[in-house]
Amino acid sequence: MKQSFKELKTFFILWSTQSLSQLGSSMTNFALALWLYEKTGSALQTALLSICSYAPYVLMSIFAGALSDRWDKKRTMLCCDAFAACCSVAVLFLLWTDSLLPVHMYMMNAVIGLMNTIQQPASDVAMTLITPKDQYQRVSGMRSFSGSLVTILHPVFATALFALVGINGVLYVDLFTFAIAFLALLFFVTIPAVDSLTGEEQRESFWGSIKTGFSYLHKNSLILVLIFFLAGVNFAASAFDAVLPPYVLSSPNGGKTVLAAVTSCAGIATLAGSILVTILPAPKNRVRVIYLTMLFSLGTENFLLAFSRTPFLWCVAQIIGWSVVPIMNANLDVILRSTIPAQMQGRIYSCRNTLQFFTIPIGTFWGGFMVDKVCEPLMAAADSQGLLARLFGSGKGSGAALMMFLLGVVSVMICLGFRQILKNYRY
């Protein structure tokens, strides 16, 4: 145990402080979404916050990975964190002058999304470099554990601070957590250099690096199929994320406090799953675990939410849906880190990000659009004694319930379709 702690000391410092900063950032995102929905009452306008965050991520990831493999990982992470903090300061200034508009929030989220795009491949490689190979599954479980804590705590803390001191207080906490993470990385974390590149890799051009990343994925069909499967999962999950807030906030049994509780249940479930994955033995077939966990998750949560009307059942749905996500993530993480050489991980991870996450802004837009423009008008025009009203309720929020049902159908179709391909692979 002491030897394991010594091996992971640097990881513990980086992991704990970055997780704290992630908590602050997540609180800000949640509070901004509450603020915007209160101002506009629009699922689509609120969803645009996420779209603006992910659009740069999707468009620029392939370039960020090629740059990450050339740049110093620690300096890259420090610079990106500093730029993101400047955006929080800018939002504070606009609030102080009572001039914050939705367009400002979209612009800030786009800048933050761009910084995350550059930082993530550097951070992923850094985690690989500071972690012994035999600790990969444990470390993946710990990272999932911290992500779960963030998911549990950020809506509760953000809602409480938002009610007590307003959105300004949430931003102050965000900046404080950033300062801790920034100073810890600057003074207490040493990231080893990546193994020396070969002569051919050193002469490789910037565009050649990007091509190398895609070529590697093309030659490794297992990774490529998993990426496209998860792109489909992300489409459904991002649409769900756009639908959940208006669904809960518009319901007679909902509200900000209920949304915080429902969101926290997702974190509680992933926390339990994270603890479980750190002690589970390696499965015989990690690929099978990946697609079965997603089928179980997406095949239950959406339908339960669509047909339930009480916060208790909403929480149960979140727990069922999210409990197996850490198991999927850990097995995927082991496949990627064990297969991809460390000196190529930056560019390959970024190519993966472009292919795997391009569906997130599309799904987010689709979810918000369908609620505002299709499902809510359809339910408003439906017979109050008809089948749709009996299944999904009536009034504002019933359209979001209908959309949850549609998401359940789409999700199951995605999982069953890819199952026919993935069942031919073993790892």
Protein backbone atom coordinates (compact mmCIF):
# COMPACT_ATOMS: atom_id res chain seq x y z
CA MET A 1 0.00 0.00 0.00
CA LYS A 2 2.82 2.43 0.89
CA GLN A 3 4.59 1.55 -2.33
CA SER A 4 1.42 2.22 -4.33
CA PHE A 5 0.98 5.58 -2.63
CA LYS A 6 4.57 6.54 -3.40
CA GLU A 7 4.14 5.56 -7.05
CA LEU A 8 0.96 7.60 -7.31
CA LYS A 9 1.97 10.63 -5.22
CA THR A 10 2.21 12.99 -8.18
CA PHE A 11 -1.04 11.63 -9.57
CA PHE A 12 -2.79 12.25 -6.23
CA ILE A 13 -1.70 15.90 -6.17
CA LEU A 14 -2.72 16.58 -9.77
CA TRP A 15 -5.92 14.55 -9.58
CA SER A 16 -7.19 16.10 -6.32
CA THR A 17 -6.52 19.74 -7.22
CA GLN A 18 -7.77 19.45 -10.80
CA SER A 19 -10.91 17.73 -9.49
CA LEU A 20 -11.47 20.62 -7.09
CA SER A 21 -11.15 23.07 -9.96
CA GLN A 22 -13.55 20.94 -12.00
CA LEU A 23 -16.06 21.23 -9.16
CA GLY A 24 -15.83 25.02 -9.28
CA SER A 25 -16.23 25.09 -13.06
CA SER A 26 -19.19 22.71 -12.95
CA MET A 27 -20.89 24.87 -10.34
CA THR A 28 -20.50 27.88 -12.61
CA ASN A 29 -21.92 26.01 -15.62
CA PHE A 30 -24.92 24.83 -13.61
CA ALA A 31 -25.59 28.30 -12.17
CA LEU A 32 -25.31 29.93 -15.60
CA ALA A 33 -27.80 27.43 -17.02
CA LEU A 34 -30.25 28.22 -14.18
CA TRP A 35 -29.76 31.95 -14.73
CA LEU A 36 -30.35 31.68 -18.48
CA TYR A 37 -33.42 29.44 -18.20
CA GLU A 38 -34.94 31.85 -15.68
CA LYS A 39 -34.33 34.72 -18.11
CA THR A 40 -35.55 33.01 -21.30
CA GLY A 41 -37.64 29.94 -20.42
CA SER A 42 -36.20 28.30 -23.54
CA ALA A 43 -34.70 24.81 -23.65
CA LEU A 44 -32.98 25.62 -26.94
CA GLN A 45 -31.32 28.84 -25.74
CA THR A 46 -30.12 27.06 -22.61
CA ALA A 47 -28.84 24.14 -24.69
CA LEU A 48 -26.81 26.60 -26.79
CA LEU A 49 -24.49 27.02 -23.79
CA SER A 50 -23.36 23.43 -24.21
CA ILE A 51 -23.27 23.70 -27.97
CA CYS A 52 -20.91 26.68 -27.78
CA SER A 53 -18.66 24.72 -25.41
CA TYR A 54 -18.46 21.65 -27.60
CA ALA A 55 -18.34 23.20 -31.07
CA PRO A 56 -14.69 24.36 -30.70
CA TYR A 57 -13.88 21.04 -29.08
CA VAL A 58 -15.13 19.12 -32.09
CA LEU A 59 -13.73 21.45 -34.73
CA MET A 60 -10.28 21.97 -33.21
CA SER A 61 -9.47 18.68 -31.47
CA ILE A 62 -7.48 17.24 -34.36
CA PHE A 63 -5.22 20.30 -34.37
CA ALA A 64 -4.94 20.40 -30.58
CA GLY A 65 -3.68 16.82 -30.41
CA ALA A 66 -0.94 17.40 -32.96
CA LEU A 67 0.15 20.50 -31.04
CA SER A 68 -0.08 18.68 -27.71
CA ASP A 69 2.40 16.03 -28.83
CA ARG A 70 4.87 18.84 -29.58
CA TRP A 71 4.22 21.16 -26.62
CA ASP A 72 5.23 20.84 -22.99
CA LYS A 73 2.28 19.24 -21.20
CA LYS A 74 2.55 21.22 -17.97
CA ARG A 75 2.84 24.61 -19.67
CA THR A 76 -0.09 23.79 -21.93
CA MET A 77 -2.31 22.94 -18.97
CA LEU A 78 -1.28 26.08 -17.07
CA CYS A 79 -1.95 28.39 -20.00
CA CYS A 80 -5.33 26.86 -20.77
CA ASP A 81 -6.43 27.09 -17.13
CA ALA A 82 -5.40 30.75 -17.01
CA PHE A 83 -7.42 31.63 -20.13
CA ALA A 84 -10.49 29.84 -18.78
CA ALA A 85 -10.18 31.76 -15.49
CA CYS A 86 -10.08 35.02 -17.44
CA CYS A 87 -13.47 34.12 -18.91
CA SER A 88 -14.94 33.73 -15.42
CA VAL A 89 -13.52 37.14 -14.50
CA ALA A 90 -15.14 38.61 -17.63
CA VAL A 91 -18.53 37.16 -16.67
CA LEU A 92 -18.16 38.66 -13.18
CA PHE A 93 -17.41 42.07 -14.68
CA LEU A 94 -20.49 41.90 -16.91
CA LEU A 95 -22.62 40.94 -13.91
CA TRP A 96 -21.24 43.84 -11.87
CA THR A 97 -22.16 46.26 -14.67
CA ASP A 98 -25.57 44.58 -15.19
CA SER A 99 -24.76 43.98 -18.84
CA LEU A 100 -24.53 40.18 -19.06
CA LEU A 101 -26.49 38.89 -22.07
CA PRO A 102 -26.93 35.36 -23.48
CA VAL A 103 -24.62 36.22 -26.38
CA HIS A 104 -21.82 37.02 -23.89
CA MET A 105 -22.31 33.64 -22.23
CA TYR A 106 -22.16 31.87 -25.58
CA MET A 107 -18.92 33.64 -26.48
CA MET A 108 -17.32 32.85 -23.12
CA ASN A 109 -18.33 29.20 -23.35
CA ALA A 110 -16.80 29.02 -26.82
CA VAL A 111 -13.46 30.33 -25.51
CA ILE A 112 -13.55 27.94 -22.55
CA GLY A 113 -14.42 25.10 -24.92
CA LEU A 114 -11.39 25.95 -27.04
CA MET A 115 -9.12 25.95 -23.98
CA ASN A 116 -10.51 22.59 -22.89
CA THR A 117 -9.86 21.28 -26.39
CA ILE A 118 -6.18 22.13 -26.12
CA GLN A 119 -5.82 21.10 -22.50
CA GLN A 120 -7.50 17.69 -22.55
CA PRO A 121 -5.02 15.81 -24.76
CA ALA A 122 -2.15 17.29 -22.74
CA SER A 123 -3.88 16.26 -19.50
CA ASP A 124 -4.64 12.74 -20.77
CA VAL A 125 -1.03 12.18 -21.76
CA ALA A 126 0.17 13.66 -18.46
CA MET A 127 -1.97 11.15 -16.55
CA THR A 128 -0.45 8.34 -18.57
CA LEU A 129 3.08 9.58 -17.90
CA ILE A 130 2.67 9.88 -14.13
CA THR A 131 0.84 6.54 -13.71
CA PRO A 132 2.48 3.08 -13.67
CA LYS A 133 0.92 0.79 -16.26
CA ASP A 134 -0.26 -1.73 -13.68
CA GLN A 135 -2.26 1.07 -11.99
CA TYR A 136 -4.26 2.14 -15.06
CA GLN A 137 -7.57 0.52 -14.07
CA ARG A 138 -7.29 1.77 -10.47
CA VAL A 139 -6.45 5.30 -11.59
CA SER A 140 -9.31 5.26 -14.09
CA GLY A 141 -11.65 4.26 -11.28
CA MET A 142 -10.30 7.06 -9.08
CA ARG A 143 -10.78 9.63 -11.82
CA SER A 144 -14.31 8.38 -12.31
CA PHE A 145 -14.77 8.56 -8.52
CA SER A 146 -13.80 12.24 -8.43
CA GLY A 147 -15.98 12.95 -11.45
CA SER A 148 -18.86 11.34 -9.58
CA LEU A 149 -18.26 13.51 -6.52
CA VAL A 150 -18.27 16.58 -8.74
CA THR A 151 -21.57 15.46 -10.27
CA ILE A 152 -23.07 14.93 -6.81
CA LEU A 153 -21.84 18.14 -5.24
CA HIS A 154 -21.89 20.78 -7.96
CA PRO A 155 -25.68 21.10 -8.39
CA VAL A 156 -26.24 21.16 -4.62
CA PHE A 157 -23.53 23.74 -3.96
CA ALA A 158 -24.41 25.81 -7.01
CA THR A 159 -28.12 25.88 -6.18
CA ALA A 160 -27.44 26.82 -2.55
CA LEU A 161 -25.00 29.58 -3.45
CA PHE A 162 -27.23 30.80 -6.27
CA ALA A 163 -30.15 31.14 -3.83
CA LEU A 164 -28.08 32.72 -1.03
CA VAL A 165 -25.69 35.12 -2.75
CA GLY A 166 -26.50 34.93 -6.45
CA ILE A 167 -24.40 33.85 -9.38
CA ASN A 168 -21.53 36.12 -8.29
CA GLY A 169 -20.82 33.91 -5.29
CA VAL A 170 -20.61 30.83 -7.51
CA LEU A 171 -18.05 32.57 -9.71
CA TYR A 172 -15.93 33.55 -6.69
CA VAL A 173 -15.78 29.90 -5.63
CA ASP A 174 -14.84 28.91 -9.17
CA LEU A 175 -11.90 31.33 -9.20
CA PHE A 176 -10.74 30.18 -5.76
CA THR A 177 -10.65 26.51 -6.81
CA PHE A 178 -8.83 27.50 -10.00
CA ALA A 179 -6.12 29.26 -7.95
CA ILE A 180 -5.52 26.13 -5.85
CA ALA A 181 -5.23 23.87 -8.91
CA PHE A 182 -3.02 26.32 -10.79
CA LEU A 183 -0.55 26.74 -7.92
CA ALA A 184 -0.42 22.99 -7.20
CA LEU A 185 0.37 22.24 -10.84
CA LEU A 186 2.92 25.04 -11.03
CA PHE A 187 4.91 24.22 -7.89
CA PHE A 188 4.22 20.62 -6.84
CA VAL A 189 3.72 18.54 -9.99
CA THR A 190 6.48 17.28 -12.26
CA ILE A 191 5.39 15.63 -15.49
CA PRO A 192 8.01 13.35 -17.08
CA ALA A 193 8.98 13.92 -20.67
CA VAL A 194 7.49 11.64 -23.29
CA ASP A 195 9.82 9.00 -24.74
CA SER A 196 11.97 10.48 -27.45
CA LEU A 197 10.42 10.64 -30.90
CA THR A 198 12.05 8.75 -33.70
CA GLY A 199 13.86 10.65 -36.43
CA GLU A 200 10.90 10.18 -38.77
CA GLU A 201 8.46 11.52 -36.15
CA GLN A 202 10.66 14.53 -35.46
CA ARG A 203 10.63 15.45 -39.16
CA GLU A 204 6.87 14.91 -39.44
CA SER A 205 4.96 18.07 -40.37
CA PHE A 206 2.01 19.45 -38.43
CA TRP A 207 -0.47 18.17 -41.02
CA GLY A 208 1.46 14.92 -41.16
CA SER A 209 0.86 14.49 -37.44
CA ILE A 210 -2.86 14.89 -37.93
CA LYS A 211 -2.80 12.37 -40.77
CA THR A 212 -0.83 9.97 -38.58
CA GLY A 213 -3.54 10.10 -35.93
CA PHE A 214 -6.32 9.25 -38.36
CA SER A 215 -4.18 6.60 -40.06
CA TYR A 216 -3.60 4.88 -36.73
CA LEU A 217 -7.33 4.77 -36.04
CA HIS A 218 -8.02 3.49 -39.54
CA LYS A 219 -5.60 0.60 -39.01
CA ASN A 220 -7.03 -0.27 -35.56
CA SER A 221 -10.60 -1.21 -36.37
CA LEU A 222 -11.53 -2.08 -32.78
CA ILE A 223 -10.78 1.43 -31.53
CA LEU A 224 -12.49 3.01 -34.53
CA VAL A 225 -15.69 0.99 -34.08
CA LEU A 226 -15.76 1.80 -30.36
CA ILE A 227 -15.36 5.49 -31.19
CA PHE A 228 -18.32 5.47 -33.58
CA PHE A 229 -20.42 3.50 -31.12
CA LEU A 230 -19.74 6.06 -28.41
CA ALA A 231 -20.46 8.86 -30.89
CA GLY A 232 -23.96 7.40 -31.16
CA VAL A 233 -24.20 7.12 -27.38
CA ASN A 234 -23.06 10.75 -27.02
CA PHE A 235 -25.73 11.90 -29.47
CA ALA A 236 -28.46 10.40 -27.30
CA ALA A 237 -26.83 11.44 -24.01
CA SER A 238 -26.32 15.07 -25.08
CA ALA A 239 -29.93 15.31 -26.23
CA PHE A 240 -30.91 13.94 -22.81
CA ASP A 241 -28.82 16.63 -21.12
CA ALA A 242 -30.69 19.30 -23.10
CA VAL A 243 -34.09 17.82 -22.22
CA LEU A 244 -33.63 17.09 -18.49
CA PRO A 245 -33.51 20.71 -17.16
CA PRO A 246 -36.72 21.89 -18.88
CA TYR A 247 -38.36 18.58 -18.01
CA VAL A 248 -37.68 18.97 -14.28
CA LEU A 249 -37.91 22.77 -14.03
CA SER A 250 -41.26 22.88 -15.88
CA SER A 251 -42.90 20.04 -13.99
CA PRO A 252 -45.40 20.86 -11.20
CA ASN A 253 -43.33 18.57 -8.96
CA GLY A 254 -40.00 20.03 -10.10
CA GLY A 255 -37.95 23.19 -9.65
CA LYS A 256 -34.35 24.20 -9.09
CA THR A 257 -33.96 22.20 -5.87
CA VAL A 258 -35.39 19.07 -7.46
CA LEU A 259 -33.14 19.47 -10.50
CA ALA A 260 -30.15 19.70 -8.17
CA ALA A 261 -31.25 16.52 -6.38
CA VAL A 262 -31.87 14.61 -9.62
CA THR A 263 -28.53 15.69 -11.05
CA SER A 264 -26.78 14.71 -7.82
CA CYS A 265 -28.25 11.22 -8.04
CA ALA A 266 -26.33 10.71 -11.27
CA GLY A 267 -23.19 11.52 -9.30
CA ILE A 268 -24.14 9.17 -6.47
CA ALA A 269 -24.62 6.37 -8.98
CA THR A 270 -21.31 7.00 -10.72
CA LEU A 271 -19.61 7.24 -7.34
CA ALA A 272 -20.88 3.78 -6.44
CA GLY A 273 -19.85 2.49 -9.85
CA SER A 274 -16.41 4.07 -9.50
CA ILE A 275 -15.82 2.36 -6.17
CA LEU A 276 -16.95 -0.92 -7.67
CA VAL A 277 -14.68 -0.68 -10.71
CA THR A 278 -11.57 -0.13 -8.57
CA ILE A 279 -12.03 -3.54 -6.95
CA LEU A 280 -13.46 -5.53 -9.84
CA PRO A 281 -11.14 -8.04 -11.55
CA ALA A 282 -10.35 -7.53 -15.22
CA PRO A 283 -13.20 -8.90 -17.36
CA LYS A 284 -12.61 -11.58 -19.97
CA ASN A 285 -13.95 -9.32 -22.72
CA ARG A 286 -13.84 -5.56 -22.15
CA VAL A 287 -15.60 -4.82 -25.44
CA ARG A 288 -18.65 -6.83 -24.43
CA VAL A 289 -18.78 -4.96 -21.11
CA ILE A 290 -18.76 -1.62 -22.94
CA TYR A 291 -21.76 -2.21 -25.17
CA LEU A 292 -23.82 -4.13 -22.60
CA THR A 293 -23.46 -1.42 -19.96
CA MET A 294 -24.59 1.25 -22.43
CA LEU A 295 -27.58 -0.82 -23.54
CA PHE A 296 -28.63 -1.26 -19.91
CA SER A 297 -28.08 2.42 -19.09
CA LEU A 298 -29.80 4.00 -22.07
CA GLY A 299 -32.47 1.32 -22.28
CA THR A 300 -33.84 2.03 -18.80
CA GLU A 301 -33.25 5.65 -17.77
CA ASN A 302 -35.03 7.43 -20.63
CA PHE A 303 -38.16 5.29 -20.48
CA LEU A 304 -38.45 5.53 -16.71
CA LEU A 305 -38.17 9.31 -16.84
CA ALA A 306 -40.66 9.55 -19.70
CA PHE A 307 -43.43 7.73 -17.83
CA SER A 308 -42.84 8.92 -14.24
CA ARG A 309 -44.09 12.10 -12.58
CA THR A 310 -42.41 12.09 -9.16
CA PRO A 311 -38.94 13.28 -8.11
CA PHE A 312 -38.31 9.96 -6.38
CA LEU A 313 -38.67 8.00 -9.62
CA TRP A 314 -36.58 10.59 -11.48
CA CYS A 315 -33.80 9.98 -8.98
CA VAL A 316 -34.18 6.21 -9.34
CA ALA A 317 -33.90 6.56 -13.11
CA GLN A 318 -30.68 8.56 -12.78
CA ILE A 319 -29.18 6.01 -10.42
CA ILE A 320 -30.05 3.11 -12.73
CA GLY A 321 -28.75 4.88 -15.81
CA TRP A 322 -25.48 6.18 -14.39
CA SER A 323 -24.40 3.33 -12.11
CA VAL A 324 -22.73 1.38 -14.93
CA VAL A 325 -21.10 4.32 -16.75
CA PRO A 326 -17.83 4.13 -14.71
CA ILE A 327 -17.52 0.45 -15.61
CA MET A 328 -17.78 1.31 -19.29
CA ASN A 329 -15.34 4.22 -18.95
CA ALA A 330 -12.73 2.17 -17.09
CA ASN A 331 -12.75 -0.62 -19.66
CA LEU A 332 -12.55 1.83 -22.54
CA ASP A 333 -9.71 3.69 -20.82
CA VAL A 334 -7.70 0.48 -20.37
CA ILE A 335 -8.13 -0.45 -24.05
CA LEU A 336 -6.98 2.98 -25.23
CA ARG A 337 -4.04 3.45 -22.88
CA SER A 338 -2.78 -0.10 -23.40
CA THR A 339 -3.08 0.05 -27.18
CA ILE A 340 -1.91 3.56 -28.14
CA PRO A 341 1.80 4.46 -27.68
CA ALA A 342 2.29 7.34 -25.20
CA GLN A 343 4.19 9.50 -27.70
CA MET A 344 1.18 9.32 -30.06
CA GLN A 345 -1.62 9.61 -27.53
CA GLY A 346 -2.08 13.37 -27.88
CA ARG A 347 -2.84 13.37 -31.60
CA ILE A 348 -4.77 10.07 -31.53
CA TYR A 349 -6.88 11.07 -28.53
CA SER A 350 -7.69 14.33 -30.29
CA CYS A 351 -8.69 12.56 -33.50
CA ARG A 352 -10.81 10.30 -31.32
CA ASN A 353 -12.37 13.35 -29.65
CA THR A 354 -13.36 14.83 -32.99
CA LEU A 355 -14.98 11.59 -34.17
CA GLN A 356 -16.50 10.60 -30.82
CA PHE A 357 -17.79 13.98 -29.65
CA PHE A 358 -18.93 15.67 -32.87
CA THR A 359 -22.41 14.33 -32.14
CA ILE A 360 -22.67 16.21 -28.82
CA PRO A 361 -23.49 19.68 -30.19
CA ILE A 362 -25.77 18.04 -32.76
CA GLY A 363 -27.57 16.04 -30.09
CA THR A 364 -27.79 19.03 -27.74
CA PHE A 365 -29.33 21.20 -30.45
CA TRP A 366 -31.69 18.41 -31.50
CA GLY A 367 -32.87 17.87 -27.94
CA GLY A 368 -33.56 21.57 -27.28
CA PHE A 369 -35.14 22.09 -30.71
CA MET A 370 -37.42 19.09 -30.39
CA VAL A 371 -38.67 20.20 -26.97
CA ASP A 372 -39.32 23.84 -27.94
CA LYS A 373 -40.48 23.48 -31.54
CA VAL A 374 -42.00 19.99 -31.84
CA CYS A 375 -42.86 18.13 -28.65
CA GLU A 376 -44.22 20.97 -26.49
CA PRO A 377 -46.45 22.37 -29.30
CA LEU A 378 -47.61 18.84 -30.11
CA MET A 379 -48.57 18.13 -26.49
CA ALA A 380 -50.22 21.55 -26.14
CA ALA A 381 -52.46 20.73 -29.11
CA ALA A 382 -53.15 17.14 -28.01
CA ASP A 383 -56.48 16.05 -26.53
CA SER A 384 -56.26 16.34 -22.74
CA GLN A 385 -58.07 12.99 -22.47
CA GLY A 386 -56.14 11.31 -25.29
CA LEU A 387 -53.40 8.70 -25.30
CA LEU A 388 -50.49 11.18 -25.37
CA ALA A 389 -51.81 13.03 -22.32
CA ARG A 390 -52.34 9.79 -20.42
CA LEU A 391 -48.79 8.66 -21.22
CA PHE A 392 -46.84 11.91 -20.85
CA GLY A 393 -49.08 14.27 -18.88
CA SER A 394 -50.30 17.71 -19.87
CA GLY A 395 -49.12 21.29 -19.60
CA LYS A 396 -45.58 22.62 -19.92
CA GLY A 397 -43.05 19.82 -19.44
CA SER A 398 -45.19 17.12 -21.07
CA GLY A 399 -43.38 17.73 -24.36
CA ALA A 400 -40.07 17.07 -22.61
CA ALA A 401 -41.52 13.80 -21.28
CA LEU A 402 -42.47 12.80 -24.84
CA MET A 403 -38.94 13.64 -25.95
CA MET A 404 -37.55 11.39 -23.22
CA PHE A 405 -39.54 8.51 -24.70
CA LEU A 406 -38.22 9.23 -28.20
CA LEU A 407 -34.68 9.30 -26.81
CA GLY A 408 -35.22 5.90 -25.24
CA VAL A 409 -36.23 4.44 -28.61
CA VAL A 410 -33.28 6.03 -30.42
CA SER A 411 -30.81 4.92 -27.73
CA VAL A 412 -31.87 1.27 -27.83
CA MET A 413 -31.66 1.25 -31.63
CA ILE A 414 -28.10 2.63 -31.50
CA CYS A 415 -26.94 0.04 -28.96
CA LEU A 416 -28.54 -2.92 -30.69
CA GLY A 417 -27.22 -1.82 -34.07
CA PHE A 418 -23.61 -1.57 -32.90
CA ARG A 419 -23.90 -4.77 -30.87
CA GLN A 420 -23.96 -6.72 -34.13
CA ILE A 421 -20.54 -5.29 -34.99
CA LEU A 422 -18.90 -5.19 -31.55
CA LYS A 423 -19.76 -8.78 -30.68
CA ASN A 424 -17.09 -9.85 -33.19
CA TYR A 425 -14.31 -8.19 -31.16
CA ARG A 426 -12.55 -9.27 -27.96
CA TYR A 427 -10.03 -7.49 -25.79
